[in-house]
Amino acid sequence: MSEGNTMKSKKSMATRIIIPALLLCIVVGIWVAKNDKKDSDYVGSNPDFALHVTEKIELEKLKSYGLPMIIDFGADSCIPCKEMAPVLKELNEELQGKAIIKFVDVWKDQALAEGYPISLIPTQVLFDAKGKPYKPKEDEVMQMKLFSLRETGEHVFTTHEGGMTKEQMLSVLKEMGLE
């Protein structure tokens, strides 16, 4: 084989192997870049982390995320609820992926409050990061109510009735496992 044929053969081999390999790397790189979702990207687009509840809450699904959770039952036209609205919005945005903050407007859709111990608004229902009803260290301080099943005594809900400040919510969330 002459030197010219050897050079052509090497160029041909480079063209047949290296160029397709480079193209494959580029395509894979683009695919990875487009599909590389950070937790914050996933959380932001996940309806489970949306503030406003418009459908029945899938409580077990929300508990499975392993995050502390506050579900506020109120109404857009209730004065204390209006005062809490910006705090709920702010915490929902700030704590995406670290806690679940929900708001249920019980005047617009009473059915969404069925099964929860709501007797006045606003009422917050609280779950710790393990998905268990929050057990406050000092329930008298924040005036928490603990609800248990009559038949078994199992603790099923912890609520706070009335408005809560951002500081109070953050304190409770930290006690419930906020990292």
Protein backbone atom coordinates (compact mmCIF):
# COMPACT_ATOMS: atom_id res chain seq x y z
CA MET A 1 0.00 0.00 0.00
CA SER A 2 1.41 3.36 -0.89
CA GLU A 3 1.79 6.23 1.55
CA GLY A 4 -1.06 8.14 -0.14
CA ASN A 5 -3.47 5.23 0.25
CA THR A 6 -2.52 4.86 3.92
CA MET A 7 -3.27 8.57 4.53
CA LYS A 8 -6.62 8.27 2.72
CA SER A 9 -7.44 5.16 4.75
CA LYS A 10 -6.64 6.97 8.04
CA LYS A 11 -8.72 10.01 7.01
CA SER A 12 -11.56 7.75 5.97
CA MET A 13 -11.42 5.92 9.29
CA ALA A 14 -11.39 9.23 11.17
CA THR A 15 -14.36 10.41 9.17
CA ARG A 16 -16.30 7.17 9.73
CA ILE A 17 -15.61 6.87 13.49
CA ILE A 18 -14.63 10.16 15.08
CA ILE A 19 -17.14 12.49 13.42
CA PRO A 20 -20.18 10.29 14.22
CA ALA A 21 -18.86 9.85 17.78
CA LEU A 22 -18.57 13.64 18.17
CA LEU A 23 -22.06 14.14 16.77
CA LEU A 24 -23.39 11.52 19.18
CA CYS A 25 -21.69 13.30 22.10
CA ILE A 26 -23.22 16.61 21.04
CA VAL A 27 -26.71 15.10 20.72
CA VAL A 28 -26.41 13.37 24.12
CA GLY A 29 -25.09 16.59 25.69
CA ILE A 30 -28.03 18.59 24.35
CA TRP A 31 -30.50 15.95 25.54
CA VAL A 32 -28.97 15.88 29.04
CA ALA A 33 -28.97 19.68 29.25
CA LYS A 34 -32.65 19.87 28.24
CA ASN A 35 -33.75 17.07 30.55
CA ASP A 36 -31.56 17.83 33.57
CA LYS A 37 -34.21 18.88 36.06
CA LYS A 38 -33.07 20.21 39.39
CA ASP A 39 -35.34 19.59 42.37
CA SER A 40 -36.38 23.24 42.28
CA ASP A 41 -37.40 22.94 38.61
CA TYR A 42 -39.46 19.85 39.37
CA VAL A 43 -41.07 21.38 42.44
CA GLY A 44 -41.96 24.63 40.69
CA SER A 45 -43.84 22.86 37.93
CA ASN A 46 -45.39 20.22 40.17
CA PRO A 47 -49.05 20.98 41.03
CA ASP A 48 -48.57 19.23 44.40
CA PHE A 49 -46.54 22.27 45.45
CA ALA A 50 -48.99 24.91 44.21
CA LEU A 51 -50.33 27.21 46.91
CA HIS A 52 -53.99 27.32 45.88
CA VAL A 53 -55.91 24.06 46.15
CA THR A 54 -58.53 23.59 43.46
CA GLU A 55 -59.03 19.82 43.69
CA LYS A 56 -59.39 17.31 46.51
CA ILE A 57 -56.13 17.09 48.45
CA GLU A 58 -54.32 13.79 48.03
CA LEU A 59 -53.00 13.84 51.58
CA GLU A 60 -51.09 10.55 51.41
CA LYS A 61 -49.32 11.65 48.23
CA LEU A 62 -48.32 14.96 49.82
CA LYS A 63 -47.09 13.17 52.94
CA SER A 64 -44.91 10.91 50.77
CA TYR A 65 -42.66 13.87 49.88
CA GLY A 66 -41.23 13.81 53.42
CA LEU A 67 -41.70 17.54 53.95
CA PRO A 68 -43.43 19.45 56.75
CA MET A 69 -46.82 20.69 55.64
CA ILE A 70 -49.24 23.47 56.51
CA ILE A 71 -52.67 23.44 54.89
CA ASP A 72 -54.51 26.68 55.59
CA PHE A 73 -58.29 26.53 55.34
CA GLY A 74 -59.70 30.02 54.87
CA ALA A 75 -61.39 32.28 52.35
CA ASP A 76 -60.30 35.11 50.08
CA SER A 77 -62.90 37.40 51.65
CA CYS A 78 -62.20 36.66 55.33
CA ILE A 79 -60.24 39.51 57.04
CA PRO A 80 -57.74 37.36 59.03
CA CYS A 81 -57.35 35.14 55.96
CA LYS A 82 -56.55 38.19 53.82
CA GLU A 83 -53.89 39.16 56.34
CA MET A 84 -52.33 35.69 56.11
CA ALA A 85 -52.50 35.47 52.29
CA PRO A 86 -49.23 37.30 51.56
CA VAL A 87 -47.42 35.26 54.23
CA LEU A 88 -48.69 31.99 52.77
CA LYS A 89 -47.67 33.09 49.28
CA GLU A 90 -44.23 34.18 50.45
CA LEU A 91 -43.58 30.96 52.39
CA ASN A 92 -44.85 28.82 49.52
CA GLU A 93 -42.38 30.52 47.15
CA GLU A 94 -39.44 30.61 49.60
CA LEU A 95 -39.79 27.03 50.80
CA GLN A 96 -40.42 25.20 47.51
CA GLY A 97 -38.95 21.72 47.92
CA LYS A 98 -38.43 22.22 51.68
CA ALA A 99 -42.03 22.44 52.91
CA ILE A 100 -45.54 22.22 51.52
CA ILE A 101 -47.73 25.28 52.04
CA LYS A 102 -51.33 25.06 50.79
CA PHE A 103 -54.38 27.32 50.87
CA VAL A 104 -57.95 26.04 50.56
CA ASP A 105 -60.74 28.58 50.00
CA VAL A 106 -63.60 26.89 51.84
CA TRP A 107 -66.15 29.49 50.76
CA LYS A 108 -65.48 28.83 47.08
CA ASP A 109 -65.38 25.04 47.46
CA GLN A 110 -66.62 23.63 50.77
CA ALA A 111 -66.10 20.06 49.57
CA LEU A 112 -62.31 20.52 49.74
CA ALA A 113 -62.56 20.85 53.54
CA GLU A 114 -64.52 17.62 54.02
CA GLY A 115 -62.78 15.22 56.36
CA TYR A 116 -60.78 17.92 58.12
CA PRO A 117 -61.65 19.28 61.58
CA ILE A 118 -62.52 22.83 60.47
CA SER A 119 -64.97 24.78 62.64
CA LEU A 120 -63.77 28.32 61.91
CA ILE A 121 -61.44 30.06 59.49
CA PRO A 122 -58.59 30.44 59.18
CA THR A 123 -57.56 27.02 60.48
CA GLN A 124 -54.20 25.47 59.71
CA VAL A 125 -53.76 21.69 59.60
CA LEU A 126 -50.18 20.67 60.35
CA PHE A 127 -48.12 17.58 59.44
CA ASP A 128 -44.47 16.94 60.21
CA ALA A 129 -41.82 15.79 57.72
CA LYS A 130 -42.64 12.16 58.54
CA GLY A 131 -46.24 12.69 57.44
CA LYS A 132 -47.52 12.47 61.00
CA PRO A 133 -49.82 15.03 62.63
CA TYR A 134 -47.63 17.64 64.28
CA LYS A 135 -47.09 17.12 68.01
CA PRO A 136 -46.05 20.50 69.40
CA LYS A 137 -43.61 20.60 72.28
CA GLU A 138 -45.69 23.31 73.92
CA ASP A 139 -49.24 23.15 72.52
CA GLU A 140 -50.57 25.70 75.01
CA VAL A 141 -48.21 28.41 73.69
CA MET A 142 -49.59 28.30 70.15
CA GLN A 143 -53.03 26.99 71.19
CA MET A 144 -52.89 23.89 69.02
CA LYS A 145 -55.72 21.38 68.98
CA LEU A 146 -54.91 17.69 68.70
CA PHE A 147 -57.56 15.36 67.26
CA SER A 148 -57.63 11.60 67.82
CA LEU A 149 -59.92 8.82 66.65
CA ARG A 150 -62.36 7.75 69.37
CA GLU A 151 -62.10 4.06 68.54
CA THR A 152 -58.32 3.73 68.56
CA GLY A 153 -57.01 6.93 70.12
CA GLU A 154 -54.78 7.43 67.05
CA HIS A 155 -53.66 11.06 66.65
CA VAL A 156 -54.93 12.10 63.19
CA PHE A 157 -54.86 15.91 63.05
CA THR A 158 -53.25 18.90 64.71
CA THR A 159 -54.78 22.29 63.98
CA HIS A 160 -54.26 25.92 64.84
CA GLU A 161 -57.31 28.18 64.67
CA GLY A 162 -56.87 31.83 63.76
CA GLY A 163 -54.16 33.70 61.98
CA MET A 164 -50.46 32.91 62.20
CA THR A 165 -47.53 35.21 61.52
CA LYS A 166 -44.64 34.27 59.26
CA GLU A 167 -42.43 33.88 62.34
CA GLN A 168 -44.95 31.54 63.99
CA MET A 169 -45.26 29.44 60.85
CA LEU A 170 -41.49 29.22 60.41
CA SER A 171 -41.09 28.23 64.06
CA VAL A 172 -43.68 25.45 63.69
CA LEU A 173 -42.20 24.33 60.35
CA LYS A 174 -38.73 24.06 61.92
CA GLU A 175 -40.12 22.03 64.78
CA MET A 176 -41.86 19.81 62.18
CA GLY A 177 -38.59 19.09 60.36
CA LEU A 178 -37.89 22.04 58.03
CA GLU A 179 -34.23 21.95 57.04
